[in-house]
Amino acid sequence: MNSIKQPEWNHFDKSESLKEFGKWLHNEARRIFEKDKTHTQIIFMFDAEEGLISVNQVPPNTSNDQIINGVRQAITENDIYGVVSVAEAWTYFPKGKRDHTVVQLLHNEMGVADLNEDDRTEALLVRMESRDGEHITWMDQIIRDGVDTRLGSSALLPKEKCINFKCWFDN
């Protein structure tokens, strides 16, 4: 998979520009994962006029609450328009319409990390959000077969399909 040129930012159509950056960053994350067999957690921040203004690698052992609070503080202090994050994470794929595990996850009775190994899936997540309410998550299943690590199936998820994601721009 070859790297393609970074998109140009168009402040007259910032919503579409952010989506294009999200697509590009998803492709770059896939390329890097396929090469390195892992991906560090990175947060990209965008200004409405200038586009990409900040690239931040998240240090190991940083809690999810610390990340959320830090990004929300940066959004407020710097008038951030959009955020794209890249990370490896555990996720859960519902097994049907009345999946009890989904209910437990929604009510914070348990987290995905608490599930049995067979019930959770490791994934590469690229999440794009904007001040305008845009939200897209690219999710690529990570498959680890002994010595082989690769990306499996991909999904494009709207906000309503993401269980218990704390959004950057929500209060």
N, C-alpha and C. Protein backbone atom coordinates (compact mmCIF):
# COMPACT_ATOMS: atom_id res chain seq x y z
N MET A 1 0.85 -1.16 0.00
CA MET A 1 0.00 0.00 0.00
C MET A 1 0.90 1.23 0.00
N ASN A 2 0.79 2.06 -1.00
CA ASN A 2 1.62 3.25 -1.12
C ASN A 2 0.96 4.44 -0.46
N SER A 3 1.79 5.33 0.04
CA SER A 3 1.30 6.56 0.63
C SER A 3 0.83 7.50 -0.48
N ILE A 4 -0.29 8.14 -0.26
CA ILE A 4 -0.76 9.16 -1.20
C ILE A 4 -0.58 10.53 -0.56
N LYS A 5 -0.57 11.54 -1.40
CA LYS A 5 -0.31 12.90 -0.95
C LYS A 5 -1.37 13.38 0.04
N GLN A 6 -0.90 14.08 1.06
CA GLN A 6 -1.79 14.68 2.05
C GLN A 6 -2.76 15.63 1.37
N PRO A 7 -4.04 15.58 1.75
CA PRO A 7 -5.02 16.49 1.11
C PRO A 7 -4.75 17.96 1.44
N GLU A 8 -5.21 18.81 0.58
CA GLU A 8 -5.13 20.26 0.81
C GLU A 8 -6.35 20.67 1.64
N TRP A 9 -6.17 21.64 2.53
CA TRP A 9 -7.26 22.14 3.35
C TRP A 9 -7.98 23.26 2.62
N ASN A 10 -9.30 23.18 2.57
CA ASN A 10 -10.13 24.22 1.95
C ASN A 10 -11.00 24.82 3.04
N HIS A 11 -10.66 26.01 3.54
CA HIS A 11 -11.42 26.61 4.64
C HIS A 11 -12.83 27.02 4.22
N PHE A 12 -13.10 27.05 2.90
CA PHE A 12 -14.46 27.34 2.44
C PHE A 12 -15.36 26.10 2.54
N ASP A 13 -14.77 24.93 2.61
CA ASP A 13 -15.51 23.68 2.77
C ASP A 13 -14.78 22.80 3.79
N LYS A 14 -14.72 23.33 5.01
CA LYS A 14 -13.95 22.66 6.07
C LYS A 14 -14.50 21.28 6.42
N SER A 15 -15.80 21.10 6.33
CA SER A 15 -16.40 19.79 6.63
C SER A 15 -15.89 18.72 5.67
N GLU A 16 -15.92 19.03 4.39
CA GLU A 16 -15.43 18.06 3.39
C GLU A 16 -13.92 17.89 3.50
N SER A 17 -13.21 18.98 3.80
CA SER A 17 -11.76 18.87 3.98
C SER A 17 -11.41 17.94 5.13
N LEU A 18 -12.15 18.05 6.24
CA LEU A 18 -11.88 17.19 7.39
C LEU A 18 -12.18 15.72 7.04
N LYS A 19 -13.24 15.48 6.30
CA LYS A 19 -13.55 14.11 5.87
C LYS A 19 -12.44 13.56 4.98
N GLU A 20 -11.92 14.38 4.08
CA GLU A 20 -10.83 13.93 3.22
C GLU A 20 -9.58 13.62 4.04
N PHE A 21 -9.29 14.46 5.03
CA PHE A 21 -8.16 14.17 5.92
C PHE A 21 -8.40 12.87 6.68
N GLY A 22 -9.63 12.68 7.14
CA GLY A 22 -9.96 11.44 7.85
C GLY A 22 -9.72 10.22 6.98
N LYS A 23 -10.19 10.26 5.74
CA LYS A 23 -9.97 9.15 4.80
C LYS A 23 -8.48 8.93 4.57
N TRP A 24 -7.75 10.03 4.36
CA TRP A 24 -6.32 9.93 4.11
C TRP A 24 -5.59 9.36 5.33
N LEU A 25 -5.94 9.85 6.53
CA LEU A 25 -5.30 9.35 7.75
C LEU A 25 -5.64 7.88 7.99
N HIS A 26 -6.84 7.47 7.63
CA HIS A 26 -7.21 6.05 7.74
C HIS A 26 -6.32 5.21 6.82
N ASN A 27 -6.14 5.64 5.59
CA ASN A 27 -5.28 4.90 4.66
C ASN A 27 -3.83 4.88 5.16
N GLU A 28 -3.36 6.00 5.70
CA GLU A 28 -1.99 6.06 6.23
C GLU A 28 -1.86 5.14 7.45
N ALA A 29 -2.86 5.13 8.32
CA ALA A 29 -2.82 4.26 9.50
C ALA A 29 -2.77 2.80 9.09
N ARG A 30 -3.56 2.43 8.08
CA ARG A 30 -3.54 1.05 7.57
C ARG A 30 -2.16 0.72 7.01
N ARG A 31 -1.60 1.64 6.25
CA ARG A 31 -0.29 1.41 5.64
C ARG A 31 0.77 1.21 6.72
N ILE A 32 0.77 2.07 7.72
CA ILE A 32 1.75 1.97 8.80
C ILE A 32 1.54 0.67 9.60
N PHE A 33 0.28 0.33 9.88
CA PHE A 33 0.02 -0.91 10.63
C PHE A 33 0.50 -2.13 9.85
N GLU A 34 0.21 -2.18 8.57
CA GLU A 34 0.63 -3.33 7.76
C GLU A 34 2.15 -3.46 7.74
N LYS A 35 2.85 -2.33 7.77
CA LYS A 35 4.32 -2.35 7.77
C LYS A 35 4.88 -2.71 9.15
N ASP A 36 4.37 -2.05 10.21
CA ASP A 36 4.93 -2.19 11.55
C ASP A 36 4.22 -3.22 12.43
N LYS A 37 3.04 -3.65 12.02
CA LYS A 37 2.22 -4.62 12.78
C LYS A 37 1.69 -4.03 14.09
N THR A 38 1.70 -2.72 14.19
CA THR A 38 1.17 -2.00 15.34
C THR A 38 1.00 -0.53 14.95
N HIS A 39 0.30 0.24 15.78
CA HIS A 39 0.15 1.67 15.53
C HIS A 39 0.06 2.39 16.87
N THR A 40 0.84 3.43 17.04
CA THR A 40 0.77 4.23 18.25
C THR A 40 -0.49 5.08 18.22
N GLN A 41 -0.91 5.54 19.39
CA GLN A 41 -2.09 6.40 19.45
C GLN A 41 -1.68 7.84 19.16
N ILE A 42 -2.37 8.44 18.18
CA ILE A 42 -2.05 9.80 17.74
C ILE A 42 -3.33 10.61 17.61
N ILE A 43 -3.27 11.87 17.99
CA ILE A 43 -4.42 12.77 17.87
C ILE A 43 -4.01 13.94 16.98
N PHE A 44 -4.81 14.18 15.94
CA PHE A 44 -4.59 15.27 14.98
C PHE A 44 -5.67 16.31 15.23
N MET A 45 -5.28 17.58 15.33
CA MET A 45 -6.25 18.65 15.56
C MET A 45 -6.22 19.63 14.40
N PHE A 46 -7.41 20.12 14.07
CA PHE A 46 -7.61 20.97 12.91
C PHE A 46 -8.27 22.29 13.29
N ASP A 47 -7.75 23.36 12.74
CA ASP A 47 -8.32 24.70 12.86
C ASP A 47 -9.22 24.93 11.65
N ALA A 48 -10.30 25.68 11.82
CA ALA A 48 -11.24 25.92 10.71
C ALA A 48 -10.58 26.62 9.53
N GLU A 49 -9.67 27.54 9.79
CA GLU A 49 -9.03 28.30 8.71
C GLU A 49 -7.78 27.64 8.16
N GLU A 50 -6.93 27.14 9.05
CA GLU A 50 -5.61 26.64 8.66
C GLU A 50 -5.56 25.14 8.35
N GLY A 51 -6.51 24.39 8.86
CA GLY A 51 -6.46 22.95 8.71
C GLY A 51 -5.64 22.32 9.81
N LEU A 52 -4.81 21.35 9.47
CA LEU A 52 -4.01 20.62 10.44
C LEU A 52 -3.05 21.55 11.16
N ILE A 53 -3.21 21.63 12.50
CA ILE A 53 -2.33 22.52 13.28
C ILE A 53 -1.58 21.79 14.38
N SER A 54 -1.96 20.53 14.67
CA SER A 54 -1.31 19.85 15.77
C SER A 54 -1.38 18.33 15.59
N VAL A 55 -0.24 17.67 15.82
CA VAL A 55 -0.15 16.21 15.80
C VAL A 55 0.42 15.79 17.15
N ASN A 56 -0.32 14.96 17.89
CA ASN A 56 0.05 14.64 19.26
C ASN A 56 0.07 13.14 19.48
N GLN A 57 1.24 12.59 19.80
CA GLN A 57 1.33 11.18 20.16
C GLN A 57 0.96 11.05 21.62
N VAL A 58 0.08 10.09 21.92
CA VAL A 58 -0.37 9.88 23.30
C VAL A 58 0.65 8.97 24.00
N PRO A 59 1.17 9.41 25.15
CA PRO A 59 2.15 8.59 25.87
C PRO A 59 1.52 7.27 26.36
N PRO A 60 2.32 6.23 26.47
CA PRO A 60 1.81 4.95 27.00
C PRO A 60 1.23 5.16 28.40
N ASN A 61 0.26 4.32 28.74
CA ASN A 61 -0.37 4.31 30.07
C ASN A 61 -1.14 5.59 30.39
N THR A 62 -1.51 6.36 29.39
CA THR A 62 -2.37 7.52 29.60
C THR A 62 -3.80 7.01 29.63
N SER A 63 -4.55 7.38 30.66
CA SER A 63 -5.93 6.88 30.79
C SER A 63 -6.84 7.54 29.75
N ASN A 64 -7.92 6.87 29.44
CA ASN A 64 -8.91 7.39 28.50
C ASN A 64 -9.47 8.72 29.00
N ASP A 65 -9.73 8.83 30.31
CA ASP A 65 -10.24 10.09 30.86
C ASP A 65 -9.24 11.22 30.71
N GLN A 66 -7.95 10.94 30.89
CA GLN A 66 -6.92 11.97 30.70
C GLN A 66 -6.90 12.45 29.25
N ILE A 67 -7.02 11.51 28.33
CA ILE A 67 -7.03 11.88 26.90
C ILE A 67 -8.25 12.74 26.59
N ILE A 68 -9.41 12.28 27.01
CA ILE A 68 -10.65 13.02 26.74
C ILE A 68 -10.58 14.43 27.33
N ASN A 69 -10.17 14.53 28.59
CA ASN A 69 -10.08 15.85 29.23
C ASN A 69 -9.06 16.75 28.54
N GLY A 70 -7.91 16.19 28.15
CA GLY A 70 -6.88 16.98 27.47
C GLY A 70 -7.34 17.48 26.11
N VAL A 71 -7.99 16.60 25.34
CA VAL A 71 -8.48 17.02 24.01
C VAL A 71 -9.59 18.06 24.17
N ARG A 72 -10.50 17.85 25.10
CA ARG A 72 -11.58 18.83 25.30
C ARG A 72 -11.03 20.18 25.74
N GLN A 73 -10.00 20.17 26.57
CA GLN A 73 -9.37 21.42 26.99
C GLN A 73 -8.72 22.11 25.79
N ALA A 74 -8.02 21.34 24.95
CA ALA A 74 -7.40 21.92 23.75
C ALA A 74 -8.45 22.49 22.80
N ILE A 75 -9.58 21.81 22.67
CA ILE A 75 -10.66 22.29 21.80
C ILE A 75 -11.14 23.66 22.28
N THR A 76 -11.36 23.78 23.58
CA THR A 76 -11.85 25.03 24.16
C THR A 76 -10.81 26.14 24.07
N GLU A 77 -9.59 25.84 24.46
CA GLU A 77 -8.55 26.87 24.51
C GLU A 77 -8.06 27.32 23.14
N ASN A 78 -8.16 26.45 22.14
CA ASN A 78 -7.59 26.76 20.83
C ASN A 78 -8.62 26.83 19.71
N ASP A 79 -9.89 26.83 20.07
CA ASP A 79 -10.98 26.91 19.08
C ASP A 79 -10.79 25.87 17.97
N ILE A 80 -10.56 24.64 18.38
CA ILE A 80 -10.33 23.54 17.44
C ILE A 80 -11.63 23.23 16.68
N TYR A 81 -11.52 23.06 15.38
CA TYR A 81 -12.68 22.72 14.54
C TYR A 81 -12.90 21.20 14.47
N GLY A 82 -11.82 20.44 14.30
CA GLY A 82 -11.97 19.00 14.11
C GLY A 82 -10.83 18.23 14.74
N VAL A 83 -11.12 16.97 15.06
CA VAL A 83 -10.13 16.08 15.66
C VAL A 83 -10.21 14.74 14.94
N VAL A 84 -9.05 14.20 14.61
CA VAL A 84 -8.96 12.83 14.09
C VAL A 84 -8.01 12.08 15.00
N SER A 85 -8.46 10.94 15.51
CA SER A 85 -7.60 10.14 16.38
C SER A 85 -7.37 8.77 15.74
N VAL A 86 -6.19 8.23 15.99
CA VAL A 86 -5.81 6.91 15.51
C VAL A 86 -5.38 6.11 16.72
N ALA A 87 -5.91 4.90 16.88
CA ALA A 87 -5.53 4.08 18.03
C ALA A 87 -5.90 2.62 17.78
N GLU A 88 -5.20 1.75 18.48
CA GLU A 88 -5.61 0.35 18.57
C GLU A 88 -6.52 0.25 19.79
N ALA A 89 -7.58 -0.54 19.70
CA ALA A 89 -8.52 -0.66 20.82
C ALA A 89 -9.26 -1.99 20.75
N TRP A 90 -9.82 -2.38 21.89
CA TRP A 90 -10.73 -3.52 21.92
C TRP A 90 -12.11 -3.01 21.56
N THR A 91 -12.87 -3.83 20.83
CA THR A 91 -14.23 -3.47 20.45
C THR A 91 -15.11 -4.71 20.52
N TYR A 92 -16.39 -4.48 20.40
CA TYR A 92 -17.36 -5.57 20.48
C TYR A 92 -18.31 -5.48 19.30
N PHE A 93 -18.52 -6.60 18.63
CA PHE A 93 -19.49 -6.68 17.54
C PHE A 93 -20.73 -7.39 18.05
N PRO A 94 -21.88 -6.70 18.10
CA PRO A 94 -23.11 -7.34 18.58
C PRO A 94 -23.44 -8.60 17.80
N LYS A 95 -24.00 -9.57 18.50
CA LYS A 95 -24.32 -10.86 17.90
C LYS A 95 -25.77 -10.96 17.43
N GLY A 96 -26.54 -9.92 17.63
CA GLY A 96 -27.94 -9.92 17.19
C GLY A 96 -28.65 -8.69 17.72
N LYS A 97 -29.95 -8.56 17.36
CA LYS A 97 -30.72 -7.37 17.75
C LYS A 97 -30.90 -7.25 19.25
N ARG A 98 -31.07 -8.35 19.94
CA ARG A 98 -31.32 -8.31 21.38
C ARG A 98 -30.13 -8.83 22.17
N ASP A 99 -28.98 -8.38 21.80
CA ASP A 99 -27.73 -8.83 22.41
C ASP A 99 -27.61 -8.21 23.82
N HIS A 100 -27.64 -9.06 24.83
CA HIS A 100 -27.58 -8.59 26.22
C HIS A 100 -26.25 -7.91 26.55
N THR A 101 -25.18 -8.36 25.92
CA THR A 101 -23.87 -7.75 26.17
C THR A 101 -23.88 -6.28 25.78
N VAL A 102 -24.56 -5.93 24.69
CA VAL A 102 -24.66 -4.53 24.27
C VAL A 102 -25.34 -3.72 25.37
N VAL A 103 -26.41 -4.26 25.95
CA VAL A 103 -27.13 -3.57 27.03
C VAL A 103 -26.18 -3.33 28.20
N GLN A 104 -25.40 -4.33 28.57
CA GLN A 104 -24.46 -4.19 29.68
C GLN A 104 -23.39 -3.14 29.37
N LEU A 105 -22.91 -3.12 28.13
CA LEU A 105 -21.91 -2.12 27.74
C LEU A 105 -22.50 -0.71 27.75
N LEU A 106 -23.73 -0.58 27.24
CA LEU A 106 -24.40 0.72 27.21
C LEU A 106 -24.64 1.29 28.60
N HIS A 107 -24.91 0.42 29.56
CA HIS A 107 -25.20 0.86 30.92
C HIS A 107 -23.95 0.85 31.82
N ASN A 108 -22.80 0.72 31.20
CA ASN A 108 -21.52 0.72 31.91
C ASN A 108 -21.44 -0.33 33.01
N GLU A 109 -22.16 -1.44 32.83
CA GLU A 109 -22.05 -2.55 33.77
C GLU A 109 -20.74 -3.30 33.56
N MET A 110 -20.17 -3.13 32.38
CA MET A 110 -18.88 -3.71 32.05
C MET A 110 -18.28 -2.95 30.89
N GLY A 111 -16.99 -3.13 30.69
CA GLY A 111 -16.32 -2.54 29.55
C GLY A 111 -15.90 -3.64 28.58
N VAL A 112 -15.55 -3.27 27.39
CA VAL A 112 -15.14 -4.25 26.39
C VAL A 112 -13.94 -5.06 26.88
N ALA A 113 -13.03 -4.42 27.60
CA ALA A 113 -11.85 -5.12 28.11
C ALA A 113 -12.23 -6.22 29.11
N ASP A 114 -13.43 -6.13 29.70
CA ASP A 114 -13.89 -7.14 30.67
C ASP A 114 -14.45 -8.39 30.00
N LEU A 115 -14.70 -8.33 28.71
CA LEU A 115 -15.31 -9.46 28.01
C LEU A 115 -14.33 -10.62 27.85
N ASN A 116 -14.89 -11.80 27.63
CA ASN A 116 -14.06 -12.96 27.32
C ASN A 116 -13.30 -12.70 26.03
N GLU A 117 -12.16 -13.34 25.90
CA GLU A 117 -11.31 -13.15 24.72
C GLU A 117 -12.08 -13.42 23.42
N ASP A 118 -12.97 -14.40 23.42
CA ASP A 118 -13.74 -14.75 22.22
C ASP A 118 -14.81 -13.73 21.87
N ASP A 119 -15.17 -12.87 22.83
CA ASP A 119 -16.26 -11.91 22.62
C ASP A 119 -15.78 -10.52 22.21
N ARG A 120 -14.50 -10.27 22.33
CA ARG A 120 -13.99 -8.95 21.96
C ARG A 120 -13.07 -9.08 20.76
N THR A 121 -12.93 -7.98 20.06
CA THR A 121 -12.12 -7.94 18.85
C THR A 121 -11.16 -6.77 18.95
N GLU A 122 -9.92 -7.00 18.59
CA GLU A 122 -8.94 -5.93 18.55
C GLU A 122 -9.10 -5.21 17.21
N ALA A 123 -9.02 -3.89 17.25
CA ALA A 123 -9.24 -3.13 16.02
C ALA A 123 -8.35 -1.90 15.96
N LEU A 124 -8.07 -1.48 14.73
CA LEU A 124 -7.44 -0.20 14.47
C LEU A 124 -8.58 0.78 14.22
N LEU A 125 -8.66 1.82 15.05
CA LEU A 125 -9.75 2.79 14.94
C LEU A 125 -9.21 4.14 14.50
N VAL A 126 -9.84 4.72 13.51
CA VAL A 126 -9.57 6.10 13.11
C VAL A 126 -10.90 6.82 13.24
N ARG A 127 -10.91 7.81 14.12
CA ARG A 127 -12.17 8.49 14.45
C ARG A 127 -12.05 9.97 14.12
N MET A 128 -13.02 10.47 13.35
CA MET A 128 -13.05 11.87 12.94
C MET A 128 -14.29 12.53 13.53
N GLU A 129 -14.08 13.68 14.16
CA GLU A 129 -15.21 14.46 14.69
C GLU A 129 -14.98 15.94 14.41
N SER A 130 -16.08 16.66 14.24
CA SER A 130 -15.97 18.11 14.03
C SER A 130 -16.93 18.87 14.94
N ARG A 131 -16.63 20.12 15.07
CA ARG A 131 -17.49 21.04 15.84
C ARG A 131 -18.90 21.08 15.23
N ASP A 132 -19.02 20.80 13.93
CA ASP A 132 -20.32 20.83 13.24
C ASP A 132 -21.15 19.57 13.48
N GLY A 133 -20.62 18.62 14.25
CA GLY A 133 -21.37 17.40 14.54
C GLY A 133 -21.05 16.22 13.64
N GLU A 134 -20.13 16.40 12.70
CA GLU A 134 -19.71 15.28 11.86
C GLU A 134 -18.98 14.26 12.72
N HIS A 135 -19.22 12.99 12.46
CA HIS A 135 -18.54 11.92 13.21
C HIS A 135 -18.50 10.67 12.33
N ILE A 136 -17.30 10.22 12.04
CA ILE A 136 -17.10 8.99 11.28
C ILE A 136 -16.01 8.20 11.98
N THR A 137 -16.22 6.90 12.12
CA THR A 137 -15.19 6.01 12.65
C THR A 137 -14.89 4.94 11.62
N TRP A 138 -13.62 4.82 11.26
CA TRP A 138 -13.15 3.73 10.42
C TRP A 138 -12.61 2.66 11.36
N MET A 139 -13.09 1.44 11.22
CA MET A 139 -12.66 0.36 12.10
C MET A 139 -12.15 -0.80 11.27
N ASP A 140 -10.91 -1.21 11.56
CA ASP A 140 -10.29 -2.32 10.85
C ASP A 140 -9.92 -3.39 11.87
N GLN A 141 -10.46 -4.57 11.69
CA GLN A 141 -10.18 -5.68 12.60
C GLN A 141 -8.70 -6.04 12.53
N ILE A 142 -8.09 -6.27 13.70
CA ILE A 142 -6.71 -6.72 13.78
C ILE A 142 -6.73 -8.23 14.02
N ILE A 143 -6.03 -8.96 13.17
CA ILE A 143 -5.96 -10.42 13.29
C ILE A 143 -4.53 -10.79 13.65
N ARG A 144 -4.40 -11.49 14.76
CA ARG A 144 -3.09 -11.98 15.21
C ARG A 144 -3.13 -13.50 15.20
N ASP A 145 -2.43 -14.11 14.23
CA ASP A 145 -2.34 -15.57 14.09
C ASP A 145 -0.91 -16.01 14.38
N GLY A 146 -0.60 -16.24 15.64
CA GLY A 146 0.77 -16.65 15.96
C GLY A 146 1.76 -15.57 15.61
N VAL A 147 2.56 -15.83 14.58
CA VAL A 147 3.58 -14.86 14.16
C VAL A 147 3.04 -13.85 13.14
N ASP A 148 1.87 -14.11 12.58
CA ASP A 148 1.30 -13.23 11.55
C ASP A 148 0.32 -12.24 12.18
N THR A 149 0.50 -10.96 11.88
CA THR A 149 -0.43 -9.92 12.30
C THR A 149 -0.83 -9.14 11.06
N ARG A 150 -2.13 -8.99 10.88
CA ARG A 150 -2.63 -8.28 9.69
C ARG A 150 -3.97 -7.63 10.00
N LEU A 151 -4.41 -6.78 9.10
CA LEU A 151 -5.72 -6.16 9.23
C LEU A 151 -6.73 -7.00 8.46
N GLY A 152 -7.89 -7.20 9.08
CA GLY A 152 -8.96 -7.95 8.44
C GLY A 152 -10.02 -7.01 7.90
N SER A 153 -11.27 -7.36 8.15
CA SER A 153 -12.38 -6.60 7.58
C SER A 153 -12.41 -5.17 8.12
N SER A 154 -12.96 -4.28 7.28
CA SER A 154 -13.07 -2.86 7.57
C SER A 154 -14.54 -2.49 7.67
N ALA A 155 -14.82 -1.50 8.50
CA ALA A 155 -16.18 -0.98 8.60
C ALA A 155 -16.11 0.54 8.75
N LEU A 156 -17.11 1.20 8.23
CA LEU A 156 -17.26 2.64 8.35
C LEU A 156 -18.50 2.87 9.22
N LEU A 157 -18.32 3.48 10.38
CA LEU A 157 -19.41 3.58 11.35
C LEU A 157 -19.82 5.03 11.60
N PRO A 158 -21.12 5.31 11.53
CA PRO A 158 -21.59 6.63 11.95
C PRO A 158 -21.64 6.68 13.48
N LYS A 159 -21.81 7.86 14.04
CA LYS A 159 -21.80 8.06 15.49
C LYS A 159 -22.77 7.15 16.22
N GLU A 160 -23.98 6.98 15.70
CA GLU A 160 -25.00 6.20 16.40
C GLU A 160 -24.67 4.71 16.51
N LYS A 161 -23.70 4.24 15.73
CA LYS A 161 -23.29 2.83 15.80
C LYS A 161 -22.12 2.61 16.77
N CYS A 162 -21.60 3.69 17.34
CA CYS A 162 -20.46 3.59 18.25
C CYS A 162 -20.97 3.56 19.69
N ILE A 163 -20.82 2.42 20.34
CA ILE A 163 -21.32 2.23 21.69
C ILE A 163 -20.38 2.89 22.69
N ASN A 164 -20.94 3.77 23.52
CA ASN A 164 -20.22 4.39 24.64
C ASN A 164 -18.97 5.17 24.27
N PHE A 165 -18.90 5.69 23.05
CA PHE A 165 -17.78 6.58 22.72
C PHE A 165 -18.06 7.93 23.34
N LYS A 166 -17.10 8.45 24.06
CA LYS A 166 -17.22 9.81 24.56
C LYS A 166 -16.69 10.71 23.48
N CYS A 167 -17.54 11.57 22.95
CA CYS A 167 -17.17 12.42 21.83
C CYS A 167 -16.39 13.62 22.33
N TRP A 168 -15.49 14.11 21.49
CA TRP A 168 -14.63 15.22 21.84
C TRP A 168 -15.43 16.50 22.05
N PHE A 169 -16.47 16.69 21.25
CA PHE A 169 -17.18 17.98 21.25
C PHE A 169 -18.46 17.95 22.10
N ASP A 170 -18.79 16.83 22.73
CA ASP A 170 -19.96 16.75 23.61
C ASP A 170 -19.60 17.29 24.99
N ASN A 171 -20.59 17.89 25.62
CA ASN A 171 -20.38 18.38 27.00
C ASN A 171 -20.58 17.26 27.98
